PDB file of N, CA and C in Angstrom:
ATOM      1  N   MET A   1     -21.926 -16.364 -33.887  1.00  0.00           N
ATOM      2  CA  MET A   1     -21.146 -15.495 -33.035  1.00  0.00           C
ATOM      3  C   MET A   1     -21.330 -14.067 -33.541  1.00  0.00           C
ATOM      4  N   SER A   2     -21.672 -13.153 -32.609  1.00  0.00           N
ATOM      5  CA  SER A   2     -21.821 -11.744 -32.972  1.00  0.00           C
ATOM      6  C   SER A   2     -20.714 -10.943 -32.306  1.00  0.00           C
ATOM      7  N   PHE A   3     -20.560  -9.721 -32.769  1.00  0.00           N
ATOM      8  CA  PHE A   3     -19.486  -8.866 -32.259  1.00  0.00           C
ATOM      9  C   PHE A   3     -20.067  -7.588 -31.672  1.00  0.00           C
ATOM     10  N   SER A   4     -19.453  -7.133 -30.585  1.00  0.00           N
ATOM     11  CA  SER A   4     -19.900  -5.899 -29.946  1.00  0.00           C
ATOM     12  C   SER A   4     -19.310  -4.701 -30.684  1.00  0.00           C
ATOM     13  N   LEU A   5     -19.622  -3.499 -30.191  1.00  0.00           N
ATOM     14  CA  LEU A   5     -19.105  -2.274 -30.807  1.00  0.00           C
ATOM     15  C   LEU A   5     -17.579  -2.217 -30.782  1.00  0.00           C
ATOM     16  N   LEU A   6     -16.984  -2.846 -29.807  1.00  0.00           N
ATOM     17  CA  LEU A   6     -15.523  -2.842 -29.691  1.00  0.00           C
ATOM     18  C   LEU A   6     -14.877  -3.991 -30.453  1.00  0.00           C
ATOM     19  N   GLY A   7     -15.677  -4.800 -31.086  1.00  0.00           N
ATOM     20  CA  GLY A   7     -15.138  -5.930 -31.826  1.00  0.00           C
ATOM     21  C   GLY A   7     -14.928  -7.170 -30.991  1.00  0.00           C
ATOM     22  N   LEU A   8     -15.495  -7.190 -29.797  1.00  0.00           N
ATOM     23  CA  LEU A   8     -15.368  -8.347 -28.929  1.00  0.00           C
ATOM     24  C   LEU A   8     -16.432  -9.381 -29.304  1.00  0.00           C
ATOM     25  N   ALA A   9     -16.041 -10.622 -29.309  1.00  0.00           N
ATOM     26  CA  ALA A   9     -16.955 -11.680 -29.713  1.00  0.00           C
ATOM     27  C   ALA A   9     -17.881 -12.063 -28.562  1.00  0.00           C
ATOM     28  N   THR A  10     -19.154 -12.283 -28.892  1.00  0.00           N
ATOM     29  CA  THR A  10     -20.123 -12.771 -27.921  1.00  0.00           C
ATOM     30  C   THR A  10     -20.837 -13.971 -28.524  1.00  0.00           C
ATOM     31  N   LEU A  11     -21.382 -14.793 -27.694  1.00  0.00           N
ATOM     32  CA  LEU A  11     -22.162 -15.917 -28.183  1.00  0.00           C
ATOM     33  C   LEU A  11     -23.426 -15.383 -28.822  1.00  0.00           C
ATOM     34  N   SER A  12     -23.816 -15.958 -29.920  1.00  0.00           N
ATOM     35  CA  SER A  12     -25.016 -15.475 -30.601  1.00  0.00           C
ATOM     36  C   SER A  12     -26.242 -15.729 -29.732  1.00  0.00           C
ATOM     37  N   GLY A  13     -27.079 -14.711 -29.648  1.00  0.00           N
ATOM     38  CA  GLY A  13     -28.294 -14.819 -28.855  1.00  0.00           C
ATOM     39  C   GLY A  13     -28.100 -14.537 -27.382  1.00  0.00           C
ATOM     40  N   VAL A  14     -26.877 -14.343 -26.925  1.00  0.00           N
ATOM     41  CA  VAL A  14     -26.616 -14.101 -25.511  1.00  0.00           C
ATOM     42  C   VAL A  14     -26.236 -12.627 -25.332  1.00  0.00           C
ATOM     43  N   GLN A  15     -27.018 -11.929 -24.530  1.00  0.00           N
ATOM     44  CA  GLN A  15     -26.723 -10.528 -24.243  1.00  0.00           C
ATOM     45  C   GLN A  15     -25.710 -10.473 -23.094  1.00  0.00           C
ATOM     46  N   PRO A  16     -24.573  -9.787 -23.291  1.00  0.00           N
ATOM     47  CA  PRO A  16     -23.607  -9.701 -22.192  1.00  0.00           C
ATOM     48  C   PRO A  16     -24.213  -8.956 -20.999  1.00  0.00           C
ATOM     49  N   SER A  17     -23.822  -9.352 -19.810  1.00  0.00           N
ATOM     50  CA  SER A  17     -24.388  -8.731 -18.611  1.00  0.00           C
ATOM     51  C   SER A  17     -23.852  -7.312 -18.446  1.00  0.00           C
ATOM     52  N   ASN A  18     -24.661  -6.471 -17.848  1.00  0.00           N
ATOM     53  CA  ASN A  18     -24.314  -5.070 -17.638  1.00  0.00           C
ATOM     54  C   ASN A  18     -23.873  -4.895 -16.189  1.00  0.00           C
ATOM     55  N   HIS A  19     -22.603  -4.608 -15.996  1.00  0.00           N
ATOM     56  CA  HIS A  19     -22.062  -4.422 -14.651  1.00  0.00           C
ATOM     57  C   HIS A  19     -21.964  -2.956 -14.260  1.00  0.00           C
ATOM     58  N   ALA A  20     -22.445  -2.057 -15.118  1.00  0.00           N
ATOM     59  CA  ALA A  20     -22.321  -0.625 -14.857  1.00  0.00           C
ATOM     60  C   ALA A  20     -22.964  -0.207 -13.524  1.00  0.00           C
ATOM     61  N   PRO A  21     -24.177  -0.643 -13.182  1.00  0.00           N
ATOM     62  CA  PRO A  21     -24.745  -0.215 -11.895  1.00  0.00           C
ATOM     63  C   PRO A  21     -23.901  -0.641 -10.695  1.00  0.00           C
ATOM     64  N   LEU A  22     -23.363  -1.831 -10.745  1.00  0.00           N
ATOM     65  CA  LEU A  22     -22.509  -2.290  -9.641  1.00  0.00           C
ATOM     66  C   LEU A  22     -21.247  -1.438  -9.527  1.00  0.00           C
ATOM     67  N   TYR A  23     -20.625  -1.132 -10.670  1.00  0.00           N
ATOM     68  CA  TYR A  23     -19.427  -0.293 -10.661  1.00  0.00           C
ATOM     69  C   TYR A  23     -19.744   1.109 -10.159  1.00  0.00           C
ATOM     70  N   LEU A  24     -20.904   1.638 -10.544  1.00  0.00           N
ATOM     71  CA  LEU A  24     -21.284   2.973 -10.086  1.00  0.00           C
ATOM     72  C   LEU A  24     -21.488   3.009  -8.579  1.00  0.00           C
ATOM     73  N   ILE A  25     -22.163   2.010  -8.045  1.00  0.00           N
ATOM     74  CA  ILE A  25     -22.393   1.960  -6.598  1.00  0.00           C
ATOM     75  C   ILE A  25     -21.068   1.816  -5.854  1.00  0.00           C
ATOM     76  N   ALA A  26     -20.206   0.941  -6.333  1.00  0.00           N
ATOM     77  CA  ALA A  26     -18.913   0.741  -5.670  1.00  0.00           C
ATOM     78  C   ALA A  26     -18.058   2.005  -5.751  1.00  0.00           C
ATOM     79  N   ASN A  27     -18.061   2.668  -6.906  1.00  0.00           N
ATOM     80  CA  ASN A  27     -17.269   3.882  -7.029  1.00  0.00           C
ATOM     81  C   ASN A  27     -17.858   5.005  -6.204  1.00  0.00           C
ATOM     82  N   TRP A  28     -19.180   5.102  -6.096  1.00  0.00           N
ATOM     83  CA  TRP A  28     -19.793   6.125  -5.252  1.00  0.00           C
ATOM     84  C   TRP A  28     -19.365   5.914  -3.804  1.00  0.00           C
ATOM     85  N   TRP A  29     -19.425   4.672  -3.344  1.00  0.00           N
ATOM     86  CA  TRP A  29     -19.040   4.379  -1.953  1.00  0.00           C
ATOM     87  C   TRP A  29     -17.577   4.740  -1.729  1.00  0.00           C
ATOM     88  N   TYR A  30     -16.720   4.394  -2.683  1.00  0.00           N
ATOM     89  CA  TYR A  30     -15.289   4.695  -2.563  1.00  0.00           C
ATOM     90  C   TYR A  30     -15.049   6.201  -2.550  1.00  0.00           C
ATOM     91  N   ALA A  31     -15.694   6.932  -3.478  1.00  0.00           N
ATOM     92  CA  ALA A  31     -15.450   8.368  -3.608  1.00  0.00           C
ATOM     93  C   ALA A  31     -16.019   9.162  -2.436  1.00  0.00           C
ATOM     94  N   TYR A  32     -17.242   8.850  -2.036  1.00  0.00           N
ATOM     95  CA  TYR A  32     -17.921   9.674  -1.050  1.00  0.00           C
ATOM     96  C   TYR A  32     -17.782   9.180   0.385  1.00  0.00           C
ATOM     97  N   CYS A  33     -17.454   7.927   0.592  1.00  0.00           N
ATOM     98  CA  CYS A  33     -17.373   7.399   1.961  1.00  0.00           C
ATOM     99  C   CYS A  33     -15.953   7.014   2.361  1.00  0.00           C
ATOM    100  N   THR A  34     -15.296   6.193   1.548  1.00  0.00           N
ATOM    101  CA  THR A  34     -13.976   5.688   1.915  1.00  0.00           C
ATOM    102  C   THR A  34     -12.924   6.789   1.913  1.00  0.00           C
ATOM    103  N   LEU A  35     -12.914   7.620   0.885  1.00  0.00           N
ATOM    104  CA  LEU A  35     -11.885   8.656   0.782  1.00  0.00           C
ATOM    105  C   LEU A  35     -12.215   9.916   1.573  1.00  0.00           C
ATOM    106  N   SER A  36     -13.422  10.047   2.062  1.00  0.00           N
ATOM    107  CA  SER A  36     -13.798  11.239   2.818  1.00  0.00           C
ATOM    108  C   SER A  36     -13.046  11.284   4.145  1.00  0.00           C
ATOM    109  N   ILE A  37     -12.554  12.459   4.485  1.00  0.00           N
ATOM    110  CA  ILE A  37     -11.808  12.598   5.743  1.00  0.00           C
ATOM    111  C   ILE A  37     -12.629  13.353   6.784  1.00  0.00           C
ATOM    112  N   ARG A  38     -13.901  13.510   6.539  1.00  0.00           N
ATOM    113  CA  ARG A  38     -14.760  14.298   7.430  1.00  0.00           C
ATOM    114  C   ARG A  38     -14.760  13.758   8.858  1.00  0.00           C
ATOM    115  N   PHE A  39     -14.906  12.451   9.018  1.00  0.00           N
ATOM    116  CA  PHE A  39     -14.966  11.880  10.365  1.00  0.00           C
ATOM    117  C   PHE A  39     -13.627  11.995  11.082  1.00  0.00           C
ATOM    118  N   GLU A  40     -12.548  11.860  10.333  1.00  0.00           N
ATOM    119  CA  GLU A  40     -11.226  12.006  10.936  1.00  0.00           C
ATOM    120  C   GLU A  40     -10.977  13.453  11.359  1.00  0.00           C
ATOM    121  N   LYS A  41     -11.429  14.401  10.547  1.00  0.00           N
ATOM    122  CA  LYS A  41     -11.300  15.818  10.916  1.00  0.00           C
ATOM    123  C   LYS A  41     -12.143  16.121  12.146  1.00  0.00           C
ATOM    124  N   MET A  42     -13.320  15.519  12.239  1.00  0.00           N
ATOM    125  CA  MET A  42     -14.171  15.740  13.406  1.00  0.00           C
ATOM    126  C   MET A  42     -13.505  15.214  14.670  1.00  0.00           C
ATOM    127  N   SER A  43     -12.859  14.064  14.581  1.00  0.00           N
ATOM    128  CA  SER A  43     -12.214  13.502  15.767  1.00  0.00           C
ATOM    129  C   SER A  43     -10.995  14.318  16.194  1.00  0.00           C
ATOM    130  N   LEU A  44     -10.375  15.013  15.237  1.00  0.00           N
ATOM    131  CA  LEU A  44      -9.219  15.859  15.562  1.00  0.00           C
ATOM    132  C   LEU A  44      -9.622  17.278  15.933  1.00  0.00           C
ATOM    133  N   GLY A  45     -10.892  17.621  15.802  1.00  0.00           N
ATOM    134  CA  GLY A  45     -11.358  18.965  16.117  1.00  0.00           C
ATOM    135  C   GLY A  45     -11.032  19.976  15.025  1.00  0.00           C
ATOM    136  N   LEU A  46     -10.842  19.507  13.796  1.00  0.00           N
ATOM    137  CA  LEU A  46     -10.522  20.401  12.679  1.00  0.00           C
ATOM    138  C   LEU A  46     -11.710  20.659  11.775  1.00  0.00           C
ATOM    139  N   ASP A  47     -12.856  20.113  12.077  1.00  0.00           N
ATOM    140  CA  ASP A  47     -14.007  20.212  11.195  1.00  0.00           C
ATOM    141  C   ASP A  47     -14.819  21.454  11.532  1.00  0.00           C
ATOM    142  N   HIS A  48     -14.893  22.360  10.590  1.00  0.00           N
ATOM    143  CA  HIS A  48     -15.685  23.575  10.743  1.00  0.00           C
ATOM    144  C   HIS A  48     -16.742  23.573   9.652  1.00  0.00           C
ATOM    145  N   ASN A  49     -17.985  23.626  10.053  1.00  0.00           N
ATOM    146  CA  ASN A  49     -19.077  23.473   9.108  1.00  0.00           C
ATOM    147  C   ASN A  49     -19.218  24.661   8.156  1.00  0.00           C
ATOM    148  N   SER A  50     -18.629  25.799   8.486  1.00  0.00           N
ATOM    149  CA  SER A  50     -18.770  26.971   7.623  1.00  0.00           C
ATOM    150  C   SER A  50     -17.970  26.834   6.334  1.00  0.00           C
ATOM    151  N   SER A  51     -16.807  26.208   6.402  1.00  0.00           N
ATOM    152  CA  SER A  51     -15.995  26.007   5.191  1.00  0.00           C
ATOM    153  C   SER A  51     -15.223  24.689   5.300  1.00  0.00           C
ATOM    154  N   PRO A  52     -15.915  23.547   5.146  1.00  0.00           N
ATOM    155  CA  PRO A  52     -15.249  22.258   5.384  1.00  0.00           C
ATOM    156  C   PRO A  52     -14.170  21.916   4.366  1.00  0.00           C
ATOM    157  N   ARG A  53     -14.234  22.480   3.147  1.00  0.00           N
ATOM    158  CA  ARG A  53     -13.215  22.158   2.148  1.00  0.00           C
ATOM    159  C   ARG A  53     -11.883  22.827   2.446  1.00  0.00           C
ATOM    160  N   GLU A  54     -11.913  23.892   3.213  1.00  0.00           N
ATOM    161  CA  GLU A  54     -10.686  24.640   3.490  1.00  0.00           C
ATOM    162  C   GLU A  54     -10.177  24.446   4.911  1.00  0.00           C
ATOM    163  N   ASP A  55     -10.740  23.493   5.637  1.00  0.00           N
ATOM    164  CA  ASP A  55     -10.335  23.279   7.027  1.00  0.00           C
ATOM    165  C   ASP A  55      -8.845  23.005   7.173  1.00  0.00           C
ATOM    166  N   LEU A  56      -8.325  22.113   6.353  1.00  0.00           N
ATOM    167  CA  LEU A  56      -6.925  21.730   6.504  1.00  0.00           C
ATOM    168  C   LEU A  56      -5.985  22.876   6.162  1.00  0.00           C
ATOM    169  N   HIS A  57      -6.372  23.697   5.196  1.00  0.00           N
ATOM    170  CA  HIS A  57      -5.507  24.814   4.820  1.00  0.00           C
ATOM    171  C   HIS A  57      -5.577  25.948   5.840  1.00  0.00           C
ATOM    172  N   LYS A  58      -6.757  26.174   6.408  1.00  0.00           N
ATOM    173  CA  LYS A  58      -6.912  27.255   7.379  1.00  0.00           C
ATOM    174  C   LYS A  58      -6.404  26.874   8.763  1.00  0.00           C
ATOM    175  N   TYR A  59      -6.748  25.665   9.204  1.00  0.00           N
ATOM    176  CA  TYR A  59      -6.509  25.299  10.596  1.00  0.00           C
ATOM    177  C   TYR A  59      -5.486  24.187  10.783  1.00  0.00           C
ATOM    178  N   GLY A  60      -4.986  23.616   9.690  1.00  0.00           N
ATOM    179  CA  GLY A  60      -4.054  22.495   9.799  1.00  0.00           C
ATOM    180  C   GLY A  60      -2.736  22.857  10.449  1.00  0.00           C
ATOM    181  N   ASP A  61      -2.127  23.950  10.002  1.00  0.00           N
ATOM    182  CA  ASP A  61      -0.838  24.347  10.572  1.00  0.00           C
ATOM    183  C   ASP A  61      -0.967  24.752  12.038  1.00  0.00           C
ATOM    184  N   ALA A  62      -2.086  25.375  12.390  1.00  0.00           N
ATOM    185  CA  ALA A  62      -2.324  25.741  13.791  1.00  0.00           C
ATOM    186  C   ALA A  62      -2.497  24.484  14.649  1.00  0.00           C
ATOM    187  N   ALA A  63      -3.116  23.455  14.100  1.00  0.00           N
ATOM    188  CA  ALA A  63      -3.282  22.200  14.841  1.00  0.00           C
ATOM    189  C   ALA A  63      -1.938  21.516  15.050  1.00  0.00           C
ATOM    190  N   VAL A  64      -1.042  21.611  14.061  1.00  0.00           N
ATOM    191  CA  VAL A  64       0.303  21.043  14.223  1.00  0.00           C
ATOM    192  C   VAL A  64       1.051  21.811  15.301  1.00  0.00           C
ATOM    193  N   ALA A  65       0.938  23.139  15.284  1.00  0.00           N
ATOM    194  CA  ALA A  65       1.615  23.962  16.301  1.00  0.00           C
ATOM    195  C   ALA A  65       1.060  23.694  17.696  1.00  0.00           C
ATOM    196  N   ALA A  66      -0.252  23.393  17.772  1.00  0.00           N
ATOM    197  CA  ALA A  66      -0.869  23.107  19.069  1.00  0.00           C
ATOM    198  C   ALA A  66      -0.607  21.683  19.530  1.00  0.00           C
ATOM    199  N   GLY A  67      -0.041  20.846  18.673  1.00  0.00           N
ATOM    200  CA  GLY A  67       0.273  19.472  19.045  1.00  0.00           C
ATOM    201  C   GLY A  67      -0.876  18.503  18.862  1.00  0.00           C
ATOM    202  N   LYS A  68      -1.940  18.901  18.174  1.00  0.00           N
ATOM    203  CA  LYS A  68      -3.080  17.998  17.951  1.00  0.00           C
ATOM    204  C   LYS A  68      -2.736  16.882  16.975  1.00  0.00           C
ATOM    205  N   LEU A  69      -1.837  17.173  16.017  1.00  0.00           N
ATOM    206  CA  LEU A  69      -1.419  16.163  15.054  1.00  0.00           C
ATOM    207  C   LEU A  69      -0.034  16.510  14.529  1.00  0.00           C
ATOM    208  N   SER A  70       0.605  15.519  13.930  1.00  0.00           N
ATOM    209  CA  SER A  70       1.964  15.720  13.424  1.00  0.00           C
ATOM    210  C   SER A  70       1.931  16.263  11.997  1.00  0.00           C
ATOM    211  N   LYS A  71       3.080  16.739  11.543  1.00  0.00           N
ATOM    212  CA  LYS A  71       3.178  17.244  10.168  1.00  0.00           C
ATOM    213  C   LYS A  71       2.910  16.123   9.168  1.00  0.00           C
ATOM    214  N   GLU A  72       3.368  14.915   9.468  1.00  0.00           N
ATOM    215  CA  GLU A  72       3.152  13.785   8.579  1.00  0.00           C
ATOM    216  C   GLU A  72       1.659  13.452   8.470  1.00  0.00           C
ATOM    217  N   LYS A  73       0.960  13.493   9.600  1.00  0.00           N
ATOM    218  CA  LYS A  73      -0.482  13.214   9.602  1.00  0.00           C
ATOM    219  C   LYS A  73      -1.231  14.285   8.817  1.00  0.00           C
ATOM    220  N   LEU A  74      -0.814  15.545   8.958  1.00  0.00           N
ATOM    221  CA  LEU A  74      -1.439  16.624   8.207  1.00  0.00           C
ATOM    222  C   LEU A  74      -1.199  16.444   6.712  1.00  0.00           C
ATOM    223  N   ALA A  75       0.004  16.051   6.328  1.00  0.00           N
ATOM    224  CA  ALA A  75       0.300  15.810   4.912  1.00  0.00           C
ATOM    225  C   ALA A  75      -0.539  14.653   4.373  1.00  0.00           C
ATOM    226  N   THR A  76      -0.707  13.602   5.174  1.00  0.00           N
ATOM    227  CA  THR A  76      -1.541  12.469   4.769  1.00  0.00           C
ATOM    228  C   THR A  76      -2.994  12.898   4.595  1.00  0.00           C
ATOM    229  N   LEU A  77      -3.494  13.688   5.530  1.00  0.00           N
ATOM    230  CA  LEU A  77      -4.874  14.176   5.424  1.00  0.00           C
ATOM    231  C   LEU A  77      -5.064  15.048   4.192  1.00  0.00           C
ATOM    232  N   ARG A  78      -4.079  15.871   3.879  1.00  0.00           N
ATOM    233  CA  ARG A  78      -4.182  16.727   2.685  1.00  0.00           C
ATOM    234  C   ARG A  78      -4.178  15.885   1.406  1.00  0.00           C
ATOM    235  N   ARG A  79      -3.364  14.821   1.372  1.00  0.00           N
ATOM    236  CA  ARG A  79      -3.360  13.941   0.197  1.00  0.00           C
ATOM    237  C   ARG A  79      -4.685  13.213   0.059  1.00  0.00           C
ATOM    238  N   ARG A  80      -5.231  12.728   1.175  1.00  0.00           N
ATOM    239  CA  ARG A  80      -6.523  12.049   1.128  1.00  0.00           C
ATOM    240  C   ARG A  80      -7.639  13.006   0.716  1.00  0.00           C
ATOM    241  N   GLN A  81      -7.554  14.255   1.170  1.00  0.00           N
ATOM    242  CA  GLN A  81      -8.545  15.253   0.773  1.00  0.00           C
ATOM    243  C   GLN A  81      -8.471  15.488  -0.732  1.00  0.00           C
ATOM    244  N   ALA A  82      -7.262  15.585  -1.276  1.00  0.00           N
ATOM    245  CA  ALA A  82      -7.096  15.779  -2.720  1.00  0.00           C
ATOM    246  C   ALA A  82      -7.618  14.568  -3.496  1.00  0.00           C
ATOM    247  N   ALA A  83      -7.350  13.362  -2.996  1.00  0.00           N
ATOM    248  CA  ALA A  83      -7.848  12.153  -3.660  1.00  0.00           C
ATOM    249  C   ALA A  83      -9.371  12.117  -3.625  1.00  0.00           C
ATOM    250  N   HIS A  84      -9.958  12.516  -2.515  1.00  0.00           N
ATOM    251  CA  HIS A  84     -11.418  12.567  -2.401  1.00  0.00           C
ATOM    252  C   HIS A  84     -11.998  13.558  -3.409  1.00  0.00           C
ATOM    253  N   GLU A  85     -11.416  14.741  -3.494  1.00  0.00           N
ATOM    254  CA  GLU A  85     -11.913  15.749  -4.428  1.00  0.00           C
ATOM    255  C   GLU A  85     -11.768  15.282  -5.873  1.00  0.00           C
ATOM    256  N   ASN A  86     -10.661  14.647  -6.203  1.00  0.00           N
ATOM    257  CA  ASN A  86     -10.467  14.137  -7.567  1.00  0.00           C
ATOM    258  C   ASN A  86     -11.493  13.064  -7.916  1.00  0.00           C
ATOM    259  N   SER A  87     -11.754  12.151  -6.991  1.00  0.00           N
ATOM    260  CA  SER A  87     -12.699  11.079  -7.290  1.00  0.00           C
ATOM    261  C   SER A  87     -14.128  11.602  -7.375  1.00  0.00           C
ATOM    262  N   VAL A  88     -14.461  12.605  -6.570  1.00  0.00           N
ATOM    263  CA  VAL A  88     -15.799  13.196  -6.633  1.00  0.00           C
ATOM    264  C   VAL A  88     -15.970  13.962  -7.944  1.00  0.00           C
ATOM    265  N   GLU A  89     -14.921  14.653  -8.390  1.00  0.00           N
ATOM    266  CA  GLU A  89     -15.003  15.392  -9.651  1.00  0.00           C
ATOM    267  C   GLU A  89     -15.098  14.448 -10.846  1.00  0.00           C
ATOM    268  N   GLY A  90     -14.489  13.276 -10.769  1.00  0.00           N
ATOM    269  CA  GLY A  90     -14.523  12.325 -11.870  1.00  0.00           C
ATOM    270  C   GLY A  90     -15.750  11.435 -11.883  1.00  0.00           C
ATOM    271  N   PHE A  91     -16.547  11.453 -10.804  1.00  0.00           N
ATOM    272  CA  PHE A  91     -17.706  10.573 -10.714  1.00  0.00           C
ATOM    273  C   PHE A  91     -18.743  10.837 -11.811  1.00  0.00           C
ATOM    274  N   PRO A  92     -19.062  12.090 -12.155  1.00  0.00           N
ATOM    275  CA  PRO A  92     -20.023  12.303 -13.246  1.00  0.00           C
ATOM    276  C   PRO A  92     -19.561  11.712 -14.580  1.00  0.00           C
ATOM    277  N   LEU A  93     -18.278  11.724 -14.835  1.00  0.00           N
ATOM    278  CA  LEU A  93     -17.761  11.113 -16.063  1.00  0.00           C
ATOM    279  C   LEU A  93     -18.001   9.605 -16.051  1.00  0.00           C
ATOM    280  N   LEU A  94     -17.805   8.971 -14.904  1.00  0.00           N
ATOM    281  CA  LEU A  94     -18.059   7.538 -14.789  1.00  0.00           C
ATOM    282  C   LEU A  94     -19.549   7.243 -14.997  1.00  0.00           C
ATOM    283  N   VAL A  95     -20.417   8.081 -14.442  1.00  0.00           N
ATOM    284  CA  VAL A  95     -21.861   7.903 -14.621  1.00  0.00           C
ATOM    285  C   VAL A  95     -22.226   8.047 -16.094  1.00  0.00           C
ATOM    286  N   ALA A  96     -21.672   9.068 -16.747  1.00  0.00           N
ATOM    287  CA  ALA A  96     -21.957   9.270 -18.172  1.00  0.00           C
ATOM    288  C   ALA A  96     -21.479   8.086 -19.002  1.00  0.00           C
ATOM    289  N   ALA A  97     -20.310   7.561 -18.682  1.00  0.00           N
ATOM    290  CA  ALA A  97     -19.799   6.396 -19.415  1.00  0.00           C
ATOM    291  C   ALA A  97     -20.701   5.183 -19.208  1.00  0.00           C
ATOM    292  N   GLY A  98     -21.174   4.993 -17.987  1.00  0.00           N
ATOM    293  CA  GLY A  98     -22.092   3.883 -17.714  1.00  0.00           C
ATOM    294  C   GLY A  98     -23.412   4.034 -18.440  1.00  0.00           C
ATOM    295  N   MET A  99     -23.912   5.273 -18.522  1.00  0.00           N
ATOM    296  CA  MET A  99     -25.161   5.514 -19.232  1.00  0.00           C
ATOM    297  C   MET A  99     -24.989   5.297 -20.737  1.00  0.00           C
ATOM    298  N   CYS A 100     -23.870   5.734 -21.274  1.00  0.00           N
ATOM    299  CA  CYS A 100     -23.599   5.512 -22.704  1.00  0.00           C
ATOM    300  C   CYS A 100     -23.478   4.019 -22.997  1.00  0.00           C
ATOM    301  N   ASP A 101     -22.836   3.302 -22.095  1.00  0.00           N
ATOM    302  CA  ASP A 101     -22.709   1.861 -22.260  1.00  0.00           C
ATOM    303  C   ASP A 101     -24.072   1.186 -22.260  1.00  0.00           C
ATOM    304  N   ALA A 102     -24.914   1.600 -21.324  1.00  0.00           N
ATOM    305  CA  ALA A 102     -26.265   1.017 -21.254  1.00  0.00           C
ATOM    306  C   ALA A 102     -27.071   1.374 -22.492  1.00  0.00           C
ATOM    307  N   LYS A 103     -26.926   2.585 -22.997  1.00  0.00           N
ATOM    308  CA  LYS A 103     -27.641   3.002 -24.208  1.00  0.00           C
ATOM    309  C   LYS A 103     -27.163   2.215 -25.414  1.00  0.00           C
ATOM    310  N   CYS A 104     -25.863   1.996 -25.540  1.00  0.00           N
ATOM    311  CA  CYS A 104     -25.322   1.249 -26.671  1.00  0.00           C
ATOM    312  C   CYS A 104     -25.783  -0.208 -26.642  1.00  0.00           C
ATOM    313  N   ARG A 105     -25.949  -0.754 -25.450  1.00  0.00           N
ATOM    314  CA  ARG A 105     -26.397  -2.154 -25.348  1.00  0.00           C
ATOM    315  C   ARG A 105     -27.866  -2.296 -25.709  1.00  0.00           C
ATOM    316  N   CYS A 106     -28.644  -1.239 -25.490  1.00  0.00           N
ATOM    317  CA  CYS A 106     -30.082  -1.317 -25.767  1.00  0.00           C
ATOM    318  C   CYS A 106     -30.387  -1.177 -27.250  1.00  0.00           C
ATOM    319  N   SER A 107     -29.568  -0.430 -27.960  1.00  0.00           N
ATOM    320  CA  SER A 107     -29.875  -0.192 -29.374  1.00  0.00           C
ATOM    321  C   SER A 107     -29.279  -1.244 -30.283  1.00  0.00           C
TER     322      SER A 107
END
């Protein structure tokens, strides 16, 4: 029985499987596709290609006043936009952790 860097026991001669690529693909899909509100903004007519990150702040209140969406829907869209930005900003850290994990397993 051998031990990993974290002190976890493994069967001798058996290399533990590397799930990092699967986690990276799943997290990329979640961060860039699932949490993205681009398609929802397009359907509401709030998507402006010149400054898409600031659409909700610039045009959200005007859309509520025009009756295109409710205040609750605008608040939900703003929360989803913040979650999308947070997950996109954290994605490089996840990639780096996966690469370090793969490097540690190879050496």
